[in-house]
PDB file of N, CA and C in Angstrom:
ATOM      1  N   MET A   1    -144.970 112.232 -36.263  1.00  0.00           N
ATOM      2  CA  MET A   1    -145.374 110.971 -36.975  1.00  0.00           C
ATOM      3  C   MET A   1    -146.736 110.819 -36.959  1.00  0.00           C
ATOM      4  N   THR A   2    -146.987 110.061 -37.881  1.00  0.00           N
ATOM      5  CA  THR A   2    -148.338 109.563 -38.102  1.00  0.00           C
ATOM      6  C   THR A   2    -148.543 107.978 -37.591  1.00  0.00           C
ATOM      7  N   ILE A   3    -149.844 107.917 -37.538  1.00  0.00           N
ATOM      8  CA  ILE A   3    -150.215 106.680 -36.851  1.00  0.00           C
ATOM      9  C   ILE A   3    -149.922 105.551 -37.956  1.00  0.00           C
ATOM     10  N   GLU A   4    -149.788 105.806 -39.143  1.00  0.00           N
ATOM     11  CA  GLU A   4    -149.691 104.601 -39.946  1.00  0.00           C
ATOM     12  C   GLU A   4    -147.996 104.412 -39.803  1.00  0.00           C
ATOM     13  N   ARG A   5    -147.144 105.269 -39.356  1.00  0.00           N
ATOM     14  CA  ARG A   5    -145.791 104.880 -39.570  1.00  0.00           C
ATOM     15  C   ARG A   5    -145.522 104.176 -38.112  1.00  0.00           C
ATOM     16  N   LEU A   6    -146.458 104.388 -36.859  1.00  0.00           N
ATOM     17  CA  LEU A   6    -146.276 104.047 -35.906  1.00  0.00           C
ATOM     18  C   LEU A   6    -146.852 102.681 -35.605  1.00  0.00           C
ATOM     19  N   VAL A   7    -147.825 102.023 -36.399  1.00  0.00           N
ATOM     20  CA  VAL A   7    -148.420 100.858 -36.201  1.00  0.00           C
ATOM     21  C   VAL A   7    -147.289  99.677 -36.487  1.00  0.00           C
ATOM     22  N   PRO A   8    -146.436  99.577 -37.571  1.00  0.00           N
ATOM     23  CA  PRO A   8    -145.470  98.633 -37.777  1.00  0.00           C
ATOM     24  C   PRO A   8    -144.407  98.571 -36.825  1.00  0.00           C
ATOM     25  N   ILE A   9    -144.001  99.782 -36.275  1.00  0.00           N
ATOM     26  CA  ILE A   9    -143.030  99.784 -35.147  1.00  0.00           C
ATOM     27  C   ILE A   9    -143.366  99.274 -33.783  1.00  0.00           C
ATOM     28  N   PHE A  10    -144.512  99.317 -33.579  1.00  0.00           N
ATOM     29  CA  PHE A  10    -144.746  98.483 -31.995  1.00  0.00           C
ATOM     30  C   PHE A  10    -144.747  97.043 -32.315  1.00  0.00           C
ATOM     31  N   PRO A  11    -144.919  96.333 -33.168  1.00  0.00           N
ATOM     32  CA  PRO A  11    -144.737  94.717 -33.013  1.00  0.00           C
ATOM     33  C   PRO A  11    -143.319  94.583 -33.201  1.00  0.00           C
ATOM     34  N   LEU A  12    -142.637  95.431 -34.109  1.00  0.00           N
ATOM     35  CA  LEU A  12    -141.101  95.169 -33.917  1.00  0.00           C
ATOM     36  C   LEU A  12    -140.482  95.417 -32.889  1.00  0.00           C
ATOM     37  N   CYS A  13    -140.641  96.262 -32.068  1.00  0.00           N
ATOM     38  CA  CYS A  13    -140.057  96.620 -30.673  1.00  0.00           C
ATOM     39  C   CYS A  13    -140.698  95.585 -29.778  1.00  0.00           C
ATOM     40  N   CYS A  14    -141.973  94.996 -29.699  1.00  0.00           N
ATOM     41  CA  CYS A  14    -142.041  93.723 -28.931  1.00  0.00           C
ATOM     42  C   CYS A  14    -141.367  92.584 -29.128  1.00  0.00           C
ATOM     43  N   GLY A  15    -141.250  92.257 -30.773  1.00  0.00           N
ATOM     44  CA  GLY A  15    -140.729  91.436 -31.205  1.00  0.00           C
ATOM     45  C   GLY A  15    -138.788  91.233 -30.620  1.00  0.00           C
ATOM     46  N   VAL A  16    -138.489  92.481 -30.824  1.00  0.00           N
ATOM     47  CA  VAL A  16    -136.957  92.665 -30.126  1.00  0.00           C
ATOM     48  C   VAL A  16    -136.838  92.389 -29.064  1.00  0.00           C
ATOM     49  N   THR A  17    -137.876  92.961 -28.271  1.00  0.00           N
ATOM     50  CA  THR A  17    -137.693  92.638 -26.527  1.00  0.00           C
ATOM     51  C   THR A  17    -137.861  91.223 -26.167  1.00  0.00           C
ATOM     52  N   VAL A  18    -138.719  90.460 -26.896  1.00  0.00           N
ATOM     53  CA  VAL A  18    -138.995  89.435 -26.569  1.00  0.00           C
ATOM     54  C   VAL A  18    -137.493  88.312 -27.194  1.00  0.00           C
ATOM     55  N   LEU A  19    -137.274  88.666 -28.147  1.00  0.00           N
ATOM     56  CA  LEU A  19    -135.995  88.077 -28.430  1.00  0.00           C
ATOM     57  C   LEU A  19    -134.764  88.364 -28.063  1.00  0.00           C
ATOM     58  N   HIS A  20    -134.653  89.413 -27.330  1.00  0.00           N
ATOM     59  CA  HIS A  20    -133.361  90.000 -26.410  1.00  0.00           C
ATOM     60  C   HIS A  20    -133.572  88.909 -25.249  1.00  0.00           C
ATOM     61  N   ARG A  21    -134.386  88.623 -24.664  1.00  0.00           N
ATOM     62  CA  ARG A  21    -134.694  87.780 -23.379  1.00  0.00           C
ATOM     63  C   ARG A  21    -134.366  86.524 -23.647  1.00  0.00           C
ATOM     64  N   THR A  22    -134.769  86.073 -24.796  1.00  0.00           N
ATOM     65  CA  THR A  22    -134.300  84.537 -25.222  1.00  0.00           C
ATOM     66  C   THR A  22    -132.941  84.418 -25.829  1.00  0.00           C
ATOM     67  N   ALA A  23    -132.358  85.596 -26.590  1.00  0.00           N
ATOM     68  CA  ALA A  23    -131.224  85.308 -27.381  1.00  0.00           C
ATOM     69  C   ALA A  23    -129.923  85.507 -26.009  1.00  0.00           C
ATOM     70  N   ARG A  24    -130.041  86.523 -25.234  1.00  0.00           N
ATOM     71  CA  ARG A  24    -129.200  86.634 -24.255  1.00  0.00           C
ATOM     72  C   ARG A  24    -128.640  85.402 -23.495  1.00  0.00           C
ATOM     73  N   PRO A  25    -129.065  84.476 -23.068  1.00  0.00           N
ATOM     74  CA  PRO A  25    -128.675  83.328 -22.521  1.00  0.00           C
ATOM     75  C   PRO A  25    -127.940  82.411 -23.405  1.00  0.00           C
ATOM     76  N   LEU A  26    -128.660  82.522 -24.969  1.00  0.00           N
ATOM     77  CA  LEU A  26    -127.920  81.515 -25.866  1.00  0.00           C
ATOM     78  C   LEU A  26    -126.491  82.157 -26.372  1.00  0.00           C
ATOM     79  N   LEU A  27    -126.588  83.618 -26.209  1.00  0.00           N
ATOM     80  CA  LEU A  27    -125.557  84.046 -26.688  1.00  0.00           C
ATOM     81  C   LEU A  27    -124.117  83.844 -25.496  1.00  0.00           C
ATOM     82  N   ARG A  28    -124.549  84.063 -24.214  1.00  0.00           N
ATOM     83  CA  ARG A  28    -123.731  83.743 -23.295  1.00  0.00           C
ATOM     84  C   ARG A  28    -123.412  82.254 -23.242  1.00  0.00           C
ATOM     85  N   LEU A  29    -124.069  81.237 -23.731  1.00  0.00           N
ATOM     86  CA  LEU A  29    -123.810  79.865 -23.332  1.00  0.00           C
ATOM     87  C   LEU A  29    -122.918  79.682 -24.928  1.00  0.00           C
ATOM     88  N   LEU A  30    -122.822  80.465 -25.841  1.00  0.00           N
ATOM     89  CA  LEU A  30    -121.923  80.241 -27.119  1.00  0.00           C
ATOM     90  C   LEU A  30    -120.724  80.895 -26.916  1.00  0.00           C
ATOM     91  N   CYS A  31    -120.577  82.127 -25.979  1.00  0.00           N
ATOM     92  CA  CYS A  31    -119.413  82.478 -25.649  1.00  0.00           C
ATOM     93  C   CYS A  31    -118.544  81.821 -24.700  1.00  0.00           C
ATOM     94  N   ARG A  32    -119.339  81.021 -23.731  1.00  0.00           N
ATOM     95  CA  ARG A  32    -118.694  80.259 -22.761  1.00  0.00           C
ATOM     96  C   ARG A  32    -118.104  79.086 -23.465  1.00  0.00           C
ATOM     97  N   THR A  33    -119.041  78.412 -24.112  1.00  0.00           N
ATOM     98  CA  THR A  33    -118.554  77.289 -24.915  1.00  0.00           C
ATOM     99  C   THR A  33    -117.318  77.709 -25.998  1.00  0.00           C
ATOM    100  N   ALA A  34    -117.201  78.597 -26.592  1.00  0.00           N
ATOM    101  CA  ALA A  34    -116.291  79.198 -27.289  1.00  0.00           C
ATOM    102  C   ALA A  34    -114.751  79.290 -26.455  1.00  0.00           C
ATOM    103  N   ALA A  35    -114.997  79.899 -25.153  1.00  0.00           N
ATOM    104  CA  ALA A  35    -113.887  80.167 -24.457  1.00  0.00           C
ATOM    105  C   ALA A  35    -113.442  78.566 -23.821  1.00  0.00           C
ATOM    106  N   GLY A  36    -114.525  77.598 -23.659  1.00  0.00           N
ATOM    107  CA  GLY A  36    -113.847  76.502 -23.266  1.00  0.00           C
ATOM    108  C   GLY A  36    -113.139  75.637 -24.345  1.00  0.00           C
ATOM    109  N   GLY A  37    -113.534  75.968 -25.745  1.00  0.00           N
ATOM    110  CA  GLY A  37    -113.003  75.304 -26.731  1.00  0.00           C
ATOM    111  C   GLY A  37    -111.462  76.130 -26.578  1.00  0.00           C
ATOM    112  N   LEU A  38    -111.361  77.047 -26.475  1.00  0.00           N
ATOM    113  CA  LEU A  38    -110.128  77.860 -26.798  1.00  0.00           C
ATOM    114  C   LEU A  38    -109.307  77.314 -25.407  1.00  0.00           C
ATOM    115  N   PHE A  39    -109.793  77.134 -24.429  1.00  0.00           N
ATOM    116  CA  PHE A  39    -109.005  76.515 -23.464  1.00  0.00           C
ATOM    117  C   PHE A  39    -108.411  74.954 -23.726  1.00  0.00           C
ATOM    118  N   LEU A  40    -109.057  74.369 -24.261  1.00  0.00           N
ATOM    119  CA  LEU A  40    -108.920  73.204 -24.741  1.00  0.00           C
ATOM    120  C   LEU A  40    -107.547  73.012 -25.613  1.00  0.00           C
ATOM    121  N   ALA A  41    -107.772  74.026 -26.884  1.00  0.00           N
ATOM    122  CA  ALA A  41    -106.909  74.154 -27.686  1.00  0.00           C
ATOM    123  C   ALA A  41    -105.611  74.419 -27.097  1.00  0.00           C
ATOM    124  N   LEU A  42    -105.664  75.544 -26.238  1.00  0.00           N
ATOM    125  CA  LEU A  42    -104.366  75.751 -25.641  1.00  0.00           C
ATOM    126  C   LEU A  42    -103.829  74.925 -24.829  1.00  0.00           C
ATOM    127  N   ILE A  43    -104.554  73.794 -24.191  1.00  0.00           N
ATOM    128  CA  ILE A  43    -103.936  73.151 -23.301  1.00  0.00           C
ATOM    129  C   ILE A  43    -103.662  71.624 -23.927  1.00  0.00           C
ATOM    130  N   ALA A  44    -104.136  71.449 -25.262  1.00  0.00           N
ATOM    131  CA  ALA A  44    -103.695  70.129 -25.977  1.00  0.00           C
ATOM    132  C   ALA A  44    -102.146  70.094 -26.324  1.00  0.00           C
ATOM    133  N   PRO A  45    -101.569  70.874 -27.011  1.00  0.00           N
ATOM    134  CA  PRO A  45    -100.189  70.844 -26.999  1.00  0.00           C
ATOM    135  C   PRO A  45     -99.084  70.450 -25.562  1.00  0.00           C
ATOM    136  N   VAL A  46     -99.643  70.815 -24.526  1.00  0.00           N
ATOM    137  CA  VAL A  46     -98.761  70.431 -23.237  1.00  0.00           C
ATOM    138  C   VAL A  46     -99.747  69.491 -22.352  1.00  0.00           C
ATOM    139  N   GLY A  47    -100.573  69.051 -22.812  1.00  0.00           N
ATOM    140  CA  GLY A  47    -101.755  68.257 -21.907  1.00  0.00           C
ATOM    141  C   GLY A  47    -101.145  66.817 -21.871  1.00  0.00           C
ATOM    142  N   SER A  48    -100.444  66.386 -23.000  1.00  0.00           N
ATOM    143  CA  SER A  48     -99.733  65.037 -22.985  1.00  0.00           C
ATOM    144  C   SER A  48     -98.613  65.012 -22.125  1.00  0.00           C
ATOM    145  N   TRP A  49     -97.851  65.844 -21.968  1.00  0.00           N
ATOM    146  CA  TRP A  49     -96.926  66.021 -21.025  1.00  0.00           C
ATOM    147  C   TRP A  49     -97.279  65.768 -19.525  1.00  0.00           C
ATOM    148  N   LEU A  50     -98.411  66.378 -19.132  1.00  0.00           N
ATOM    149  CA  LEU A  50     -98.876  66.504 -17.964  1.00  0.00           C
ATOM    150  C   LEU A  50     -99.955  65.471 -17.725  1.00  0.00           C
ATOM    151  N   GLY A  51    -100.212  64.570 -18.654  1.00  0.00           N
ATOM    152  CA  GLY A  51    -101.196  63.592 -18.590  1.00  0.00           C
ATOM    153  C   GLY A  51    -102.656  63.985 -18.572  1.00  0.00           C
ATOM    154  N   VAL A  52    -102.947  65.165 -19.202  1.00  0.00           N
ATOM    155  CA  VAL A  52    -104.326  65.439 -19.121  1.00  0.00           C
ATOM    156  C   VAL A  52    -104.820  65.744 -20.407  1.00  0.00           C
ATOM    157  N   SER A  53    -104.808  65.063 -21.206  1.00  0.00           N
ATOM    158  CA  SER A  53    -105.138  65.234 -22.827  1.00  0.00           C
ATOM    159  C   SER A  53    -106.655  65.144 -22.986  1.00  0.00           C
ATOM    160  N   LEU A  54    -107.290  65.822 -23.593  1.00  0.00           N
ATOM    161  CA  LEU A  54    -108.482  65.716 -23.821  1.00  0.00           C
ATOM    162  C   LEU A  54    -108.896  66.272 -25.286  1.00  0.00           C
ATOM    163  N   GLY A  55    -109.853  65.699 -26.050  1.00  0.00           N
ATOM    164  CA  GLY A  55    -110.117  66.348 -27.113  1.00  0.00           C
ATOM    165  C   GLY A  55    -110.624  67.609 -27.447  1.00  0.00           C
ATOM    166  N   VAL A  56    -110.260  68.171 -28.571  1.00  0.00           N
ATOM    167  CA  VAL A  56    -110.914  69.635 -28.591  1.00  0.00           C
ATOM    168  C   VAL A  56    -112.144  69.335 -29.320  1.00  0.00           C
ATOM    169  N   ASN A  57    -113.649  69.117 -29.034  1.00  0.00           N
ATOM    170  CA  ASN A  57    -114.737  68.936 -29.575  1.00  0.00           C
ATOM    171  C   ASN A  57    -115.581  69.929 -28.736  1.00  0.00           C
ATOM    172  N   LEU A  58    -117.047  69.637 -29.652  1.00  0.00           N
ATOM    173  CA  LEU A  58    -118.043  70.429 -29.157  1.00  0.00           C
ATOM    174  C   LEU A  58    -118.669  70.111 -27.718  1.00  0.00           C
ATOM    175  N   PHE A  59    -118.739  68.812 -27.417  1.00  0.00           N
ATOM    176  CA  PHE A  59    -118.819  68.135 -26.112  1.00  0.00           C
ATOM    177  C   PHE A  59    -118.067  68.560 -25.105  1.00  0.00           C
ATOM    178  N   ASN A  60    -116.961  68.525 -25.191  1.00  0.00           N
ATOM    179  CA  ASN A  60    -116.015  68.767 -24.241  1.00  0.00           C
ATOM    180  C   ASN A  60    -115.806  70.353 -23.841  1.00  0.00           C
ATOM    181  N   SER A  61    -116.053  71.210 -25.139  1.00  0.00           N
ATOM    182  CA  SER A  61    -116.226  72.691 -24.834  1.00  0.00           C
ATOM    183  C   SER A  61    -117.317  73.099 -24.037  1.00  0.00           C
ATOM    184  N   LEU A  62    -118.563  72.351 -24.283  1.00  0.00           N
ATOM    185  CA  LEU A  62    -119.823  72.683 -23.762  1.00  0.00           C
ATOM    186  C   LEU A  62    -119.642  72.608 -22.109  1.00  0.00           C
ATOM    187  N   VAL A  63    -119.183  71.453 -22.246  1.00  0.00           N
ATOM    188  CA  VAL A  63    -118.983  70.975 -20.410  1.00  0.00           C
ATOM    189  C   VAL A  63    -118.236  71.898 -19.687  1.00  0.00           C
ATOM    190  N   LEU A  64    -117.265  72.280 -20.506  1.00  0.00           N
ATOM    191  CA  LEU A  64    -115.948  73.029 -19.854  1.00  0.00           C
ATOM    192  C   LEU A  64    -116.570  74.446 -19.723  1.00  0.00           C
ATOM    193  N   GLY A  65    -117.438  74.951 -20.696  1.00  0.00           N
ATOM    194  CA  GLY A  65    -118.088  76.330 -20.469  1.00  0.00           C
ATOM    195  C   GLY A  65    -119.171  76.472 -19.696  1.00  0.00           C
ATOM    196  N   LEU A  66    -119.776  75.334 -19.349  1.00  0.00           N
ATOM    197  CA  LEU A  66    -120.810  75.545 -18.466  1.00  0.00           C
ATOM    198  C   LEU A  66    -120.387  75.259 -16.958  1.00  0.00           C
ATOM    199  N   LEU A  67    -119.540  74.331 -16.908  1.00  0.00           N
ATOM    200  CA  LEU A  67    -119.110  73.913 -15.382  1.00  0.00           C
ATOM    201  C   LEU A  67    -117.586  74.519 -15.200  1.00  0.00           C
ATOM    202  N   GLY A  68    -116.808  74.910 -15.990  1.00  0.00           N
ATOM    203  CA  GLY A  68    -115.724  75.695 -15.780  1.00  0.00           C
ATOM    204  C   GLY A  68    -114.698  74.664 -15.232  1.00  0.00           C
ATOM    205  N   PRO A  69    -114.015  75.003 -14.001  1.00  0.00           N
ATOM    206  CA  PRO A  69    -112.789  73.930 -13.395  1.00  0.00           C
ATOM    207  C   PRO A  69    -113.570  72.653 -13.305  1.00  0.00           C
ATOM    208  N   ALA A  70    -114.707  72.557 -12.633  1.00  0.00           N
ATOM    209  CA  ALA A  70    -115.530  71.308 -12.221  1.00  0.00           C
ATOM    210  C   ALA A  70    -115.812  70.457 -13.447  1.00  0.00           C
ATOM    211  N   GLY A  71    -116.015  70.990 -14.432  1.00  0.00           N
ATOM    212  CA  GLY A  71    -116.386  70.460 -15.558  1.00  0.00           C
ATOM    213  C   GLY A  71    -115.043  69.798 -16.311  1.00  0.00           C
ATOM    214  N   LEU A  72    -113.817  70.619 -16.023  1.00  0.00           N
ATOM    215  CA  LEU A  72    -112.478  69.877 -16.364  1.00  0.00           C
ATOM    216  C   LEU A  72    -112.345  68.780 -15.736  1.00  0.00           C
ATOM    217  N   GLY A  73    -112.316  68.713 -14.270  1.00  0.00           N
ATOM    218  CA  GLY A  73    -112.128  67.591 -13.339  1.00  0.00           C
ATOM    219  C   GLY A  73    -113.222  66.414 -13.885  1.00  0.00           C
ATOM    220  N   LEU A  74    -114.437  66.901 -14.289  1.00  0.00           N
ATOM    221  CA  LEU A  74    -115.371  65.917 -14.580  1.00  0.00           C
ATOM    222  C   LEU A  74    -114.867  65.184 -16.037  1.00  0.00           C
ATOM    223  N   LEU A  75    -114.483  65.795 -16.965  1.00  0.00           N
ATOM    224  CA  LEU A  75    -113.985  65.156 -18.103  1.00  0.00           C
ATOM    225  C   LEU A  75    -112.625  64.443 -17.914  1.00  0.00           C
ATOM    226  N   LEU A  76    -111.795  64.854 -17.023  1.00  0.00           N
ATOM    227  CA  LEU A  76    -110.551  63.859 -16.788  1.00  0.00           C
ATOM    228  C   LEU A  76    -110.834  62.836 -15.927  1.00  0.00           C
ATOM    229  N   MET A  77    -112.014  62.811 -15.046  1.00  0.00           N
ATOM    230  CA  MET A  77    -112.205  61.836 -14.242  1.00  0.00           C
ATOM    231  C   MET A  77    -112.756  60.592 -15.082  1.00  0.00           C
ATOM    232  N   LEU A  78    -113.818  61.005 -16.141  1.00  0.00           N
ATOM    233  CA  LEU A  78    -114.659  60.230 -17.037  1.00  0.00           C
ATOM    234  C   LEU A  78    -113.506  59.501 -18.033  1.00  0.00           C
ATOM    235  N   ARG A  79    -112.300  60.388 -18.592  1.00  0.00           N
ATOM    236  CA  ARG A  79    -111.577  59.838 -19.223  1.00  0.00           C
ATOM    237  C   ARG A  79    -110.735  58.705 -18.511  1.00  0.00           C
ATOM    238  N   TRP A  80    -110.249  59.098 -17.468  1.00  0.00           N
ATOM    239  CA  TRP A  80    -109.394  58.042 -16.663  1.00  0.00           C
ATOM    240  C   TRP A  80    -110.261  56.828 -16.361  1.00  0.00           C
ATOM    241  N   SER A  81    -111.455  56.848 -16.091  1.00  0.00           N
ATOM    242  CA  SER A  81    -112.074  55.916 -15.537  1.00  0.00           C
ATOM    243  C   SER A  81    -112.691  54.976 -16.749  1.00  0.00           C
ATOM    244  N   LEU A  82    -112.799  55.643 -17.832  1.00  0.00           N
ATOM    245  CA  LEU A  82    -113.287  54.847 -18.844  1.00  0.00           C
ATOM    246  C   LEU A  82    -112.305  54.213 -19.886  1.00  0.00           C
ATOM    247  N   LEU A  83    -110.800  55.069 -19.875  1.00  0.00           N
ATOM    248  CA  LEU A  83    -109.882  54.510 -20.610  1.00  0.00           C
ATOM    249  C   LEU A  83    -108.661  54.593 -19.469  1.00  0.00           C
ATOM    250  N   PRO A  84    -108.774  53.482 -18.685  1.00  0.00           N
ATOM    251  CA  PRO A  84    -107.671  53.515 -17.784  1.00  0.00           C
ATOM    252  C   PRO A  84    -106.403  53.325 -18.252  1.00  0.00           C
ATOM    253  N   GLY A  85    -105.920  52.663 -19.391  1.00  0.00           N
ATOM    254  CA  GLY A  85    -104.688  52.504 -19.720  1.00  0.00           C
ATOM    255  C   GLY A  85    -104.263  53.340 -20.871  1.00  0.00           C
ATOM    256  N   VAL A  86    -104.941  54.548 -21.190  1.00  0.00           N
ATOM    257  CA  VAL A  86    -104.315  55.612 -21.716  1.00  0.00           C
ATOM    258  C   VAL A  86    -104.216  57.073 -21.093  1.00  0.00           C
TER     259      VAL A  86
END
């Protein structure tokens, strides 16, 4: 290989390395949020029978994806404390 072909490859490799380090946590957050949304969507039909109905939206999915079961408890406590008659 000649030096003319290697010069554009070096910045490309550096850019991929930098983006990989920043994109990995964002991709992980996206996957966890999607899993939280899927869990909320699966619980929605039977949630009214159990008294744990939560809306399937981005905020709830993000909280559930970040905090897991603790996030579910937090969302339920918020719902029950802010809307006591529902």
